[in-house]
Amino acid sequence: MTEHSSESGARVSTGNRQLDSILKGGLVRDRLYLVEGTPGTGKTTLALEFVREGARRGEKSLYITLGETAEELEATAASHGWSLDGIEIYELVPLEAKLDRQQTVLQPSEVELGETMNLVCERIAGGRP
């Protein structure tokens, strides 16, 4: 990802030039960010821009999805004319959500955080659950 120096540390590009401009070069590296909003506000689009920028720069990219299938992410990317080549997608979508796509918003109580975190950590460490 593109790194910029600033008073607050090295920055990494979000993959969105306009947002990078507002953020004075991107996100501060080695920080944790939470993006939230109602459906349709662009959270998935922003996340895809970010991982695509990393993949473009040769960084290993893993997109972990809790609410959309890989097929839905591919469709979102295609709607923007993007490819997700070089990006690994890991679906942690509950089976119920895959079977009933009319329910697209998951309540926190529907996802067991401890188990989910274990699966994510295993995936990142290289053990494919």
Foldseek 3Di string as FASTA:
>chain_A
DDWDQDPVAIADALLDVVVCVVVVRHHHPPDDDDDDDDPPPCPLVSNLSNQVVCVVVVHQAEAEDAQDDPVVSQVVQVVVVHDCPRYHYHYPHDPVCVVPVVPRDDDPVVDDVVVVVVQVVCVVVPNHD
